[in-house]
PDB file of N, CA and C in Angstrom:
ATOM      1  N   MET A   1      14.612  -1.597  28.856  1.00  0.00           N
ATOM      2  CA  MET A   1      15.355  -1.574  30.092  1.00  0.00           C
ATOM      3  C   MET A   1      16.238  -2.823  30.204  1.00  0.00           C
ATOM      4  N   VAL A   2      15.721  -3.961  29.790  1.00  0.00           N
ATOM      5  CA  VAL A   2      16.504  -5.196  29.870  1.00  0.00           C
ATOM      6  C   VAL A   2      17.742  -5.088  28.985  1.00  0.00           C
ATOM      7  N   ILE A   3      17.582  -4.497  27.818  1.00  0.00           N
ATOM      8  CA  ILE A   3      18.717  -4.347  26.906  1.00  0.00           C
ATOM      9  C   ILE A   3      19.771  -3.431  27.513  1.00  0.00           C
ATOM     10  N   VAL A   4      19.352  -2.351  28.140  1.00  0.00           N
ATOM     11  CA  VAL A   4      20.301  -1.432  28.766  1.00  0.00           C
ATOM     12  C   VAL A   4      21.055  -2.129  29.897  1.00  0.00           C
ATOM     13  N   VAL A   5      20.337  -2.855  30.743  1.00  0.00           N
ATOM     14  CA  VAL A   5      20.970  -3.527  31.877  1.00  0.00           C
ATOM     15  C   VAL A   5      21.900  -4.649  31.413  1.00  0.00           C
ATOM     16  N   SER A   6      21.628  -5.213  30.243  1.00  0.00           N
ATOM     17  CA  SER A   6      22.493  -6.295  29.768  1.00  0.00           C
ATOM     18  C   SER A   6      23.912  -5.823  29.469  1.00  0.00           C
ATOM     19  N   PHE A   7      24.119  -4.529  29.320  1.00  0.00           N
ATOM     20  CA  PHE A   7      25.464  -3.992  29.101  1.00  0.00           C
ATOM     21  C   PHE A   7      26.158  -3.598  30.397  1.00  0.00           C
ATOM     22  N   PHE A   8      25.502  -3.738  31.540  1.00  0.00           N
ATOM     23  CA  PHE A   8      26.087  -3.360  32.822  1.00  0.00           C
ATOM     24  C   PHE A   8      26.990  -4.467  33.349  1.00  0.00           C
ATOM     25  N   ASP A   9      27.928  -4.061  34.158  1.00  0.00           N
ATOM     26  CA  ASP A   9      28.784  -5.011  34.867  1.00  0.00           C
ATOM     27  C   ASP A   9      28.062  -5.405  36.148  1.00  0.00           C
ATOM     28  N   PHE A  10      28.226  -6.655  36.557  1.00  0.00           N
ATOM     29  CA  PHE A  10      27.559  -7.090  37.784  1.00  0.00           C
ATOM     30  C   PHE A  10      28.382  -8.160  38.474  1.00  0.00           C
ATOM     31  N   ASP A  11      28.201  -8.208  39.771  1.00  0.00           N
ATOM     32  CA  ASP A  11      28.651  -9.375  40.510  1.00  0.00           C
ATOM     33  C   ASP A  11      27.387  -9.998  41.109  1.00  0.00           C
ATOM     34  N   HIS A  12      27.512 -10.863  42.041  1.00  0.00           N
ATOM     35  CA  HIS A  12      26.341 -11.607  42.498  1.00  0.00           C
ATOM     36  C   HIS A  12      25.406 -10.791  43.385  1.00  0.00           C
ATOM     37  N   THR A  13      25.794  -9.595  43.778  1.00  0.00           N
ATOM     38  CA  THR A  13      24.933  -8.823  44.677  1.00  0.00           C
ATOM     39  C   THR A  13      24.497  -7.483  44.123  1.00  0.00           C
ATOM     40  N   GLU A  14      25.187  -6.945  43.126  1.00  0.00           N
ATOM     41  CA  GLU A  14      24.812  -5.610  42.639  1.00  0.00           C
ATOM     42  C   GLU A  14      25.216  -5.408  41.179  1.00  0.00           C
ATOM     43  N   TYR A  15      24.575  -4.438  40.576  1.00  0.00           N
ATOM     44  CA  TYR A  15      24.897  -4.022  39.211  1.00  0.00           C
ATOM     45  C   TYR A  15      25.707  -2.739  39.267  1.00  0.00           C
ATOM     46  N   ARG A  16      26.704  -2.643  38.391  1.00  0.00           N
ATOM     47  CA  ARG A  16      27.477  -1.411  38.258  1.00  0.00           C
ATOM     48  C   ARG A  16      27.203  -0.842  36.872  1.00  0.00           C
ATOM     49  N   SER A  17      26.929   0.426  36.788  1.00  0.00           N
ATOM     50  CA  SER A  17      26.526   1.021  35.511  1.00  0.00           C
ATOM     51  C   SER A  17      27.722   1.374  34.622  1.00  0.00           C
ATOM     52  N   THR A  18      28.682   0.493  34.573  1.00  0.00           N
ATOM     53  CA  THR A  18      29.793   0.650  33.639  1.00  0.00           C
ATOM     54  C   THR A  18      29.482  -0.147  32.384  1.00  0.00           C
ATOM     55  N   PHE A  19      29.709   0.445  31.238  1.00  0.00           N
ATOM     56  CA  PHE A  19      29.372  -0.178  29.962  1.00  0.00           C
ATOM     57  C   PHE A  19      30.424  -1.221  29.606  1.00  0.00           C
ATOM     58  N   ILE A  20      29.984  -2.494  29.479  1.00  0.00           N
ATOM     59  CA  ILE A  20      30.892  -3.567  29.083  1.00  0.00           C
ATOM     60  C   ILE A  20      30.181  -4.474  28.074  1.00  0.00           C
ATOM     61  N   LEU A  21      30.974  -5.216  27.321  1.00  0.00           N
ATOM     62  CA  LEU A  21      30.432  -6.181  26.364  1.00  0.00           C
ATOM     63  C   LEU A  21      30.746  -7.619  26.764  1.00  0.00           C
ATOM     64  N   ASP A  22      31.204  -7.815  27.995  1.00  0.00           N
ATOM     65  CA  ASP A  22      31.599  -9.153  28.441  1.00  0.00           C
ATOM     66  C   ASP A  22      30.442 -10.139  28.409  1.00  0.00           C
ATOM     67  N   ASN A  23      29.243  -9.679  28.724  1.00  0.00           N
ATOM     68  CA  ASN A  23      28.089 -10.584  28.730  1.00  0.00           C
ATOM     69  C   ASN A  23      27.858 -11.161  27.334  1.00  0.00           C
ATOM     70  N   TYR A  24      27.936 -10.319  26.322  1.00  0.00           N
ATOM     71  CA  TYR A  24      27.705 -10.780  24.954  1.00  0.00           C
ATOM     72  C   TYR A  24      28.887 -11.592  24.417  1.00  0.00           C
ATOM     73  N   GLN A  25      30.084 -11.242  24.822  1.00  0.00           N
ATOM     74  CA  GLN A  25      31.246 -12.056  24.439  1.00  0.00           C
ATOM     75  C   GLN A  25      31.123 -13.457  25.016  1.00  0.00           C
ATOM     76  N   GLU A  26      30.654 -13.549  26.236  1.00  0.00           N
ATOM     77  CA  GLU A  26      30.506 -14.850  26.884  1.00  0.00           C
ATOM     78  C   GLU A  26      29.431 -15.688  26.184  1.00  0.00           C
ATOM     79  N   ILE A  27      28.338 -15.060  25.776  1.00  0.00           N
ATOM     80  CA  ILE A  27      27.264 -15.793  25.099  1.00  0.00           C
ATOM     81  C   ILE A  27      27.711 -16.267  23.727  1.00  0.00           C
ATOM     82  N   PHE A  28      28.296 -15.368  22.938  1.00  0.00           N
ATOM     83  CA  PHE A  28      28.613 -15.693  21.549  1.00  0.00           C
ATOM     84  C   PHE A  28      29.971 -16.379  21.366  1.00  0.00           C
ATOM     85  N   SER A  29      30.691 -16.617  22.443  1.00  0.00           N
ATOM     86  CA  SER A  29      31.955 -17.339  22.306  1.00  0.00           C
ATOM     87  C   SER A  29      31.738 -18.851  22.275  1.00  0.00           C
ATOM     88  N   SER A  30      30.576 -19.305  22.696  1.00  0.00           N
ATOM     89  CA  SER A  30      30.270 -20.732  22.673  1.00  0.00           C
ATOM     90  C   SER A  30      29.645 -21.107  21.323  1.00  0.00           C
ATOM     91  N   GLU A  31      30.236 -22.071  20.648  1.00  0.00           N
ATOM     92  CA  GLU A  31      29.728 -22.501  19.338  1.00  0.00           C
ATOM     93  C   GLU A  31      28.327 -23.100  19.458  1.00  0.00           C
ATOM     94  N   THR A  32      28.089 -23.814  20.536  1.00  0.00           N
ATOM     95  CA  THR A  32      26.778 -24.430  20.746  1.00  0.00           C
ATOM     96  C   THR A  32      25.688 -23.373  20.886  1.00  0.00           C
ATOM     97  N   THR A  33      25.958 -22.336  21.639  1.00  0.00           N
ATOM     98  CA  THR A  33      24.977 -21.270  21.827  1.00  0.00           C
ATOM     99  C   THR A  33      24.681 -20.576  20.515  1.00  0.00           C
ATOM    100  N   VAL A  34      25.689 -20.274  19.743  1.00  0.00           N
ATOM    101  CA  VAL A  34      25.488 -19.618  18.457  1.00  0.00           C
ATOM    102  C   VAL A  34      24.673 -20.500  17.522  1.00  0.00           C
ATOM    103  N   ARG A  35      24.981 -21.792  17.495  1.00  0.00           N
ATOM    104  CA  ARG A  35      24.206 -22.716  16.648  1.00  0.00           C
ATOM    105  C   ARG A  35      22.744 -22.768  17.079  1.00  0.00           C
ATOM    106  N   LEU A  36      22.500 -22.778  18.391  1.00  0.00           N
ATOM    107  CA  LEU A  36      21.123 -22.798  18.879  1.00  0.00           C
ATOM    108  C   LEU A  36      20.369 -21.526  18.517  1.00  0.00           C
ATOM    109  N   TYR A  37      21.021 -20.369  18.651  1.00  0.00           N
ATOM    110  CA  TYR A  37      20.383 -19.102  18.264  1.00  0.00           C
ATOM    111  C   TYR A  37      20.061 -19.094  16.776  1.00  0.00           C
ATOM    112  N   LEU A  38      21.010 -19.513  15.953  1.00  0.00           N
ATOM    113  CA  LEU A  38      20.769 -19.520  14.510  1.00  0.00           C
ATOM    114  C   LEU A  38      19.678 -20.512  14.118  1.00  0.00           C
ATOM    115  N   SER A  39      19.665 -21.660  14.759  1.00  0.00           N
ATOM    116  CA  SER A  39      18.621 -22.649  14.495  1.00  0.00           C
ATOM    117  C   SER A  39      17.245 -22.107  14.898  1.00  0.00           C
ATOM    118  N   SER A  40      17.166 -21.453  16.039  1.00  0.00           N
ATOM    119  CA  SER A  40      15.894 -20.865  16.483  1.00  0.00           C
ATOM    120  C   SER A  40      15.419 -19.795  15.520  1.00  0.00           C
ATOM    121  N   LEU A  41      16.328 -18.942  15.077  1.00  0.00           N
ATOM    122  CA  LEU A  41      15.957 -17.899  14.119  1.00  0.00           C
ATOM    123  C   LEU A  41      15.516 -18.485  12.787  1.00  0.00           C
ATOM    124  N   LYS A  42      16.175 -19.558  12.359  1.00  0.00           N
ATOM    125  CA  LYS A  42      15.801 -20.210  11.103  1.00  0.00           C
ATOM    126  C   LYS A  42      14.383 -20.767  11.181  1.00  0.00           C
ATOM    127  N   PHE A  43      14.080 -21.485  12.255  1.00  0.00           N
ATOM    128  CA  PHE A  43      12.744 -22.057  12.395  1.00  0.00           C
ATOM    129  C   PHE A  43      11.682 -20.978  12.570  1.00  0.00           C
ATOM    130  N   ALA A  44      12.012 -19.907  13.283  1.00  0.00           N
ATOM    131  CA  ALA A  44      11.064 -18.802  13.426  1.00  0.00           C
ATOM    132  C   ALA A  44      10.774 -18.165  12.075  1.00  0.00           C
ATOM    133  N   ALA A  45      11.786 -17.991  11.245  1.00  0.00           N
ATOM    134  CA  ALA A  45      11.587 -17.412   9.919  1.00  0.00           C
ATOM    135  C   ALA A  45      10.762 -18.332   9.025  1.00  0.00           C
ATOM    136  N   ILE A  46      11.003 -19.634   9.121  1.00  0.00           N
ATOM    137  CA  ILE A  46      10.225 -20.583   8.315  1.00  0.00           C
ATOM    138  C   ILE A  46       8.758 -20.553   8.716  1.00  0.00           C
ATOM    139  N   VAL A  47       8.481 -20.601  10.007  1.00  0.00           N
ATOM    140  CA  VAL A  47       7.097 -20.580  10.479  1.00  0.00           C
ATOM    141  C   VAL A  47       6.434 -19.260  10.121  1.00  0.00           C
ATOM    142  N   TRP A  48       7.152 -18.155  10.291  1.00  0.00           N
ATOM    143  CA  TRP A  48       6.589 -16.855   9.938  1.00  0.00           C
ATOM    144  C   TRP A  48       6.262 -16.787   8.452  1.00  0.00           C
ATOM    145  N   ALA A  49       7.152 -17.281   7.613  1.00  0.00           N
ATOM    146  CA  ALA A  49       6.925 -17.233   6.167  1.00  0.00           C
ATOM    147  C   ALA A  49       5.729 -18.086   5.762  1.00  0.00           C
ATOM    148  N   ILE A  50       5.588 -19.237   6.388  1.00  0.00           N
ATOM    149  CA  ILE A  50       4.468 -20.114   6.033  1.00  0.00           C
ATOM    150  C   ILE A  50       3.138 -19.523   6.486  1.00  0.00           C
ATOM    151  N   THR A  51       3.087 -19.017   7.703  1.00  0.00           N
ATOM    152  CA  THR A  51       1.814 -18.550   8.233  1.00  0.00           C
ATOM    153  C   THR A  51       1.494 -17.128   7.802  1.00  0.00           C
ATOM    154  N   PHE A  52       2.321 -16.192   8.158  1.00  0.00           N
ATOM    155  CA  PHE A  52       2.007 -14.796   7.885  1.00  0.00           C
ATOM    156  C   PHE A  52       2.233 -14.421   6.432  1.00  0.00           C
ATOM    157  N   GLY A  53       3.321 -14.882   5.888  1.00  0.00           N
ATOM    158  CA  GLY A  53       3.666 -14.508   4.530  1.00  0.00           C
ATOM    159  C   GLY A  53       2.691 -15.032   3.498  1.00  0.00           C
ATOM    160  N   GLY A  54       2.079 -16.133   3.772  1.00  0.00           N
ATOM    161  CA  GLY A  54       1.213 -16.740   2.779  1.00  0.00           C
ATOM    162  C   GLY A  54      -0.254 -16.665   3.120  1.00  0.00           C
ATOM    163  N   ARG A  55      -0.687 -17.607   3.900  1.00  0.00           N
ATOM    164  CA  ARG A  55      -2.109 -17.825   4.071  1.00  0.00           C
ATOM    165  C   ARG A  55      -2.834 -16.733   4.829  1.00  0.00           C
ATOM    166  N   LEU A  56      -2.310 -16.278   5.941  1.00  0.00           N
ATOM    167  CA  LEU A  56      -3.063 -15.348   6.765  1.00  0.00           C
ATOM    168  C   LEU A  56      -3.253 -14.000   6.094  1.00  0.00           C
ATOM    169  N   TYR A  57      -2.246 -13.522   5.397  1.00  0.00           N
ATOM    170  CA  TYR A  57      -2.395 -12.262   4.694  1.00  0.00           C
ATOM    171  C   TYR A  57      -3.440 -12.376   3.591  1.00  0.00           C
ATOM    172  N   LEU A  58      -3.390 -13.466   2.844  1.00  0.00           N
ATOM    173  CA  LEU A  58      -4.364 -13.653   1.774  1.00  0.00           C
ATOM    174  C   LEU A  58      -5.778 -13.798   2.326  1.00  0.00           C
ATOM    175  N   LEU A  59      -5.933 -14.509   3.432  1.00  0.00           N
ATOM    176  CA  LEU A  59      -7.247 -14.654   4.046  1.00  0.00           C
ATOM    177  C   LEU A  59      -7.780 -13.318   4.542  1.00  0.00           C
ATOM    178  N   ALA A  60      -6.942 -12.540   5.204  1.00  0.00           N
ATOM    179  CA  ALA A  60      -7.379 -11.233   5.692  1.00  0.00           C
ATOM    180  C   ALA A  60      -7.736 -10.314   4.532  1.00  0.00           C
ATOM    181  N   ASN A  61      -6.946 -10.330   3.490  1.00  0.00           N
ATOM    182  CA  ASN A  61      -7.230  -9.520   2.306  1.00  0.00           C
ATOM    183  C   ASN A  61      -8.567  -9.922   1.685  1.00  0.00           C
ATOM    184  N   TYR A  62      -8.812 -11.216   1.598  1.00  0.00           N
ATOM    185  CA  TYR A  62     -10.068 -11.712   1.030  1.00  0.00           C
ATOM    186  C   TYR A  62     -11.260 -11.288   1.890  1.00  0.00           C
ATOM    187  N   LEU A  63     -11.132 -11.420   3.216  1.00  0.00           N
ATOM    188  CA  LEU A  63     -12.230 -11.052   4.098  1.00  0.00           C
ATOM    189  C   LEU A  63     -12.553  -9.567   4.035  1.00  0.00           C
ATOM    190  N   VAL A  64     -11.563  -8.740   3.910  1.00  0.00           N
ATOM    191  CA  VAL A  64     -11.787  -7.297   3.941  1.00  0.00           C
ATOM    192  C   VAL A  64     -12.282  -6.768   2.606  1.00  0.00           C
ATOM    193  N   PHE A  65     -11.674  -7.205   1.521  1.00  0.00           N
ATOM    194  CA  PHE A  65     -11.952  -6.551   0.242  1.00  0.00           C
ATOM    195  C   PHE A  65     -12.904  -7.301  -0.679  1.00  0.00           C
ATOM    196  N   HIS A  66     -13.071  -8.592  -0.494  1.00  0.00           N
ATOM    197  CA  HIS A  66     -13.855  -9.341  -1.472  1.00  0.00           C
ATOM    198  C   HIS A  66     -15.189  -9.849  -0.952  1.00  0.00           C
ATOM    199  N   VAL A  67     -15.309 -10.104   0.342  1.00  0.00           N
ATOM    200  CA  VAL A  67     -16.575 -10.572   0.892  1.00  0.00           C
ATOM    201  C   VAL A  67     -17.417  -9.350   1.225  1.00  0.00           C
ATOM    202  N   ARG A  68     -18.609  -9.279   0.640  1.00  0.00           N
ATOM    203  CA  ARG A  68     -19.465  -8.102   0.834  1.00  0.00           C
ATOM    204  C   ARG A  68     -20.464  -8.279   1.971  1.00  0.00           C
ATOM    205  N   SER A  69     -20.973  -9.480   2.164  1.00  0.00           N
ATOM    206  CA  SER A  69     -22.003  -9.722   3.161  1.00  0.00           C
ATOM    207  C   SER A  69     -21.394  -9.749   4.568  1.00  0.00           C
ATOM    208  N   LEU A  70     -21.960  -8.949   5.463  1.00  0.00           N
ATOM    209  CA  LEU A  70     -21.461  -8.895   6.837  1.00  0.00           C
ATOM    210  C   LEU A  70     -21.662 -10.233   7.536  1.00  0.00           C
ATOM    211  N   LEU A  71     -22.767 -10.909   7.249  1.00  0.00           N
ATOM    212  CA  LEU A  71     -23.031 -12.198   7.867  1.00  0.00           C
ATOM    213  C   LEU A  71     -21.979 -13.244   7.464  1.00  0.00           C
ATOM    214  N   ILE A  72     -21.590 -13.253   6.217  1.00  0.00           N
ATOM    215  CA  ILE A  72     -20.560 -14.200   5.760  1.00  0.00           C
ATOM    216  C   ILE A  72     -19.202 -13.818   6.342  1.00  0.00           C
ATOM    217  N   LYS A  73     -18.903 -12.514   6.459  1.00  0.00           N
ATOM    218  CA  LYS A  73     -17.645 -12.091   7.077  1.00  0.00           C
ATOM    219  C   LYS A  73     -17.560 -12.580   8.520  1.00  0.00           C
ATOM    220  N   ILE A  74     -18.668 -12.410   9.262  1.00  0.00           N
ATOM    221  CA  ILE A  74     -18.682 -12.861  10.659  1.00  0.00           C
ATOM    222  C   ILE A  74     -18.527 -14.377  10.725  1.00  0.00           C
ATOM    223  N   GLY A  75     -19.218 -15.090   9.842  1.00  0.00           N
ATOM    224  CA  GLY A  75     -19.110 -16.548   9.824  1.00  0.00           C
ATOM    225  C   GLY A  75     -17.703 -17.020   9.526  1.00  0.00           C
ATOM    226  N   LEU A  76     -17.054 -16.407   8.541  1.00  0.00           N
ATOM    227  CA  LEU A  76     -15.682 -16.799   8.211  1.00  0.00           C
ATOM    228  C   LEU A  76     -14.715 -16.439   9.339  1.00  0.00           C
ATOM    229  N   PHE A  77     -14.948 -15.294   9.983  1.00  0.00           N
ATOM    230  CA  PHE A  77     -14.113 -14.910  11.118  1.00  0.00           C
ATOM    231  C   PHE A  77     -14.250 -15.925  12.257  1.00  0.00           C
ATOM    232  N   LEU A  78     -15.478 -16.327  12.544  1.00  0.00           N
ATOM    233  CA  LEU A  78     -15.689 -17.323  13.597  1.00  0.00           C
ATOM    234  C   LEU A  78     -15.079 -18.669  13.221  1.00  0.00           C
ATOM    235  N   LEU A  79     -15.173 -19.015  11.955  1.00  0.00           N
ATOM    236  CA  LEU A  79     -14.574 -20.269  11.493  1.00  0.00           C
ATOM    237  C   LEU A  79     -13.062 -20.276  11.730  1.00  0.00           C
ATOM    238  N   CYS A  80     -12.429 -19.105  11.605  1.00  0.00           N
ATOM    239  CA  CYS A  80     -10.981 -19.008  11.828  1.00  0.00           C
ATOM    240  C   CYS A  80     -10.623 -18.939  13.313  1.00  0.00           C
ATOM    241  N   SER A  81     -11.474 -18.358  14.151  1.00  0.00           N
ATOM    242  CA  SER A  81     -11.085 -18.111  15.536  1.00  0.00           C
ATOM    243  C   SER A  81     -11.616 -19.127  16.539  1.00  0.00           C
ATOM    244  N   VAL A  82     -12.707 -19.831  16.247  1.00  0.00           N
ATOM    245  CA  VAL A  82     -13.278 -20.782  17.203  1.00  0.00           C
ATOM    246  C   VAL A  82     -12.308 -21.906  17.587  1.00  0.00           C
ATOM    247  N   PRO A  83     -11.504 -22.456  16.675  1.00  0.00           N
ATOM    248  CA  PRO A  83     -10.556 -23.490  17.128  1.00  0.00           C
ATOM    249  C   PRO A  83      -9.607 -23.026  18.228  1.00  0.00           C
ATOM    250  N   PHE A  84      -9.220 -21.773  18.210  1.00  0.00           N
ATOM    251  CA  PHE A  84      -8.342 -21.261  19.262  1.00  0.00           C
ATOM    252  C   PHE A  84      -9.104 -21.113  20.572  1.00  0.00           C
ATOM    253  N   TRP A  85     -10.373 -20.713  20.506  1.00  0.00           N
ATOM    254  CA  TRP A  85     -11.192 -20.621  21.716  1.00  0.00           C
ATOM    255  C   TRP A  85     -11.356 -21.995  22.337  1.00  0.00           C
ATOM    256  N   THR A  86     -11.628 -23.004  21.504  1.00  0.00           N
ATOM    257  CA  THR A  86     -11.814 -24.365  21.992  1.00  0.00           C
ATOM    258  C   THR A  86     -10.560 -24.844  22.702  1.00  0.00           C
ATOM    259  N   SER A  87      -9.420 -24.575  22.135  1.00  0.00           N
ATOM    260  CA  SER A  87      -8.164 -24.975  22.754  1.00  0.00           C
ATOM    261  C   SER A  87      -8.009 -24.329  24.125  1.00  0.00           C
ATOM    262  N   THR A  88      -8.368 -23.061  24.243  1.00  0.00           N
ATOM    263  CA  THR A  88      -8.271 -22.359  25.518  1.00  0.00           C
ATOM    264  C   THR A  88      -9.234 -22.948  26.530  1.00  0.00           C
ATOM    265  N   ILE A  89     -10.451 -23.229  26.113  1.00  0.00           N
ATOM    266  CA  ILE A  89     -11.445 -23.805  27.029  1.00  0.00           C
ATOM    267  C   ILE A  89     -10.993 -25.175  27.513  1.00  0.00           C
ATOM    268  N   ILE A  90     -10.474 -25.983  26.619  1.00  0.00           N
ATOM    269  CA  ILE A  90     -10.007 -27.320  27.011  1.00  0.00           C
ATOM    270  C   ILE A  90      -8.865 -27.210  28.011  1.00  0.00           C
ATOM    271  N   ARG A  91      -7.957 -26.269  27.799  1.00  0.00           N
ATOM    272  CA  ARG A  91      -6.859 -26.100  28.747  1.00  0.00           C
ATOM    273  C   ARG A  91      -7.368 -25.661  30.112  1.00  0.00           C
ATOM    274  N   MET A  92      -8.368 -24.756  30.127  1.00  0.00           N
ATOM    275  CA  MET A  92      -8.919 -24.314  31.412  1.00  0.00           C
ATOM    276  C   MET A  92      -9.613 -25.464  32.133  1.00  0.00           C
ATOM    277  N   ILE A  93     -10.389 -26.275  31.412  1.00  0.00           N
ATOM    278  CA  ILE A  93     -11.089 -27.393  32.024  1.00  0.00           C
ATOM    279  C   ILE A  93     -10.102 -28.438  32.534  1.00  0.00           C
ATOM    280  N   SER A  94      -8.992 -28.610  31.850  1.00  0.00           N
ATOM    281  CA  SER A  94      -8.032 -29.632  32.270  1.00  0.00           C
ATOM    282  C   SER A  94      -7.368 -29.297  33.608  1.00  0.00           C
ATOM    283  N   TRP A  95      -7.429 -28.043  34.060  1.00  0.00           N
ATOM    284  CA  TRP A  95      -6.864 -27.682  35.355  1.00  0.00           C
ATOM    285  C   TRP A  95      -7.784 -28.042  36.512  1.00  0.00           C
ATOM    286  N   ILE A  96      -9.072 -28.300  36.245  1.00  0.00           N
ATOM    287  CA  ILE A  96     -10.034 -28.539  37.329  1.00  0.00           C
ATOM    288  C   ILE A  96      -9.621 -29.710  38.218  1.00  0.00           C
ATOM    289  N   PRO A  97      -9.291 -30.888  37.672  1.00  0.00           N
ATOM    290  CA  PRO A  97      -8.888 -31.988  38.578  1.00  0.00           C
ATOM    291  C   PRO A  97      -7.674 -31.647  39.434  1.00  0.00           C
ATOM    292  N   PHE A  98      -6.745 -30.889  38.880  1.00  0.00           N
ATOM    293  CA  PHE A  98      -5.553 -30.509  39.641  1.00  0.00           C
ATOM    294  C   PHE A  98      -5.940 -29.639  40.833  1.00  0.00           C
ATOM    295  N   TRP A  99      -6.772 -28.598  40.599  1.00  0.00           N
ATOM    296  CA  TRP A  99      -7.132 -27.694  41.685  1.00  0.00           C
ATOM    297  C   TRP A  99      -8.038 -28.363  42.705  1.00  0.00           C
ATOM    298  N   VAL A 100      -8.921 -29.269  42.263  1.00  0.00           N
ATOM    299  CA  VAL A 100      -9.757 -30.012  43.204  1.00  0.00           C
ATOM    300  C   VAL A 100      -8.883 -30.893  44.073  1.00  0.00           C
ATOM    301  N   GLY A 101      -7.899 -31.550  43.468  1.00  0.00           N
ATOM    302  CA  GLY A 101      -6.975 -32.381  44.253  1.00  0.00           C
ATOM    303  C   GLY A 101      -6.176 -31.566  45.245  1.00  0.00           C
ATOM    304  N   MET A 102      -5.761 -30.360  44.826  1.00  0.00           N
ATOM    305  CA  MET A 102      -5.017 -29.482  45.741  1.00  0.00           C
ATOM    306  C   MET A 102      -5.904 -29.047  46.904  1.00  0.00           C
ATOM    307  N   ALA A 103      -7.156 -28.683  46.613  1.00  0.00           N
ATOM    308  CA  ALA A 103      -8.067 -28.233  47.664  1.00  0.00           C
ATOM    309  C   ALA A 103      -8.363 -29.370  48.638  1.00  0.00           C
ATOM    310  N   CYS A 104      -8.523 -30.575  48.116  1.00  0.00           N
ATOM    311  CA  CYS A 104      -8.803 -31.726  48.976  1.00  0.00           C
ATOM    312  C   CYS A 104      -7.602 -32.031  49.869  1.00  0.00           C
ATOM    313  N   SER A 105      -6.403 -31.917  49.327  1.00  0.00           N
ATOM    314  CA  SER A 105      -5.214 -32.211  50.132  1.00  0.00           C
ATOM    315  C   SER A 105      -4.991 -31.157  51.199  1.00  0.00           C
ATOM    316  N   ILE A 106      -5.453 -29.939  50.963  1.00  0.00           N
ATOM    317  CA  ILE A 106      -5.293 -28.882  51.959  1.00  0.00           C
ATOM    318  C   ILE A 106      -6.331 -29.060  53.077  1.00  0.00           C
ATOM    319  N   ARG A 107      -7.583 -29.365  52.712  1.00  0.00           N
ATOM    320  CA  ARG A 107      -8.648 -29.495  53.697  1.00  0.00           C
ATOM    321  C   ARG A 107      -8.594 -30.804  54.465  1.00  0.00           C
ATOM    322  N   CYS A 108      -8.165 -31.860  53.804  1.00  0.00           N
ATOM    323  CA  CYS A 108      -8.240 -33.192  54.437  1.00  0.00           C
ATOM    324  C   CYS A 108      -7.097 -33.463  55.366  1.00  0.00           C
TER     325      CYS A 108
END
């Protein structure tokens, strides 16, 4: 839906369902914007190639086809996923002082 609406004409109060390319001409006419888009795509491709293209696929393949023991599969899976859980827990705990301060400022 967002892609369809991006081709619509609009003023500050309403959208008109006339097909135009002015929005994209305005975005891609700026050299800075084009450089930023290309730089973002380059870094996304590099990160994707390093993570998905290499290590994660090989690890998943190894876990599925080569490890026979269910206990070792579970252990290796936990070894890969627990760091992300820890990060989430730490982020949740770090909000506690903020919310306590907000509650105190509202009640006091």
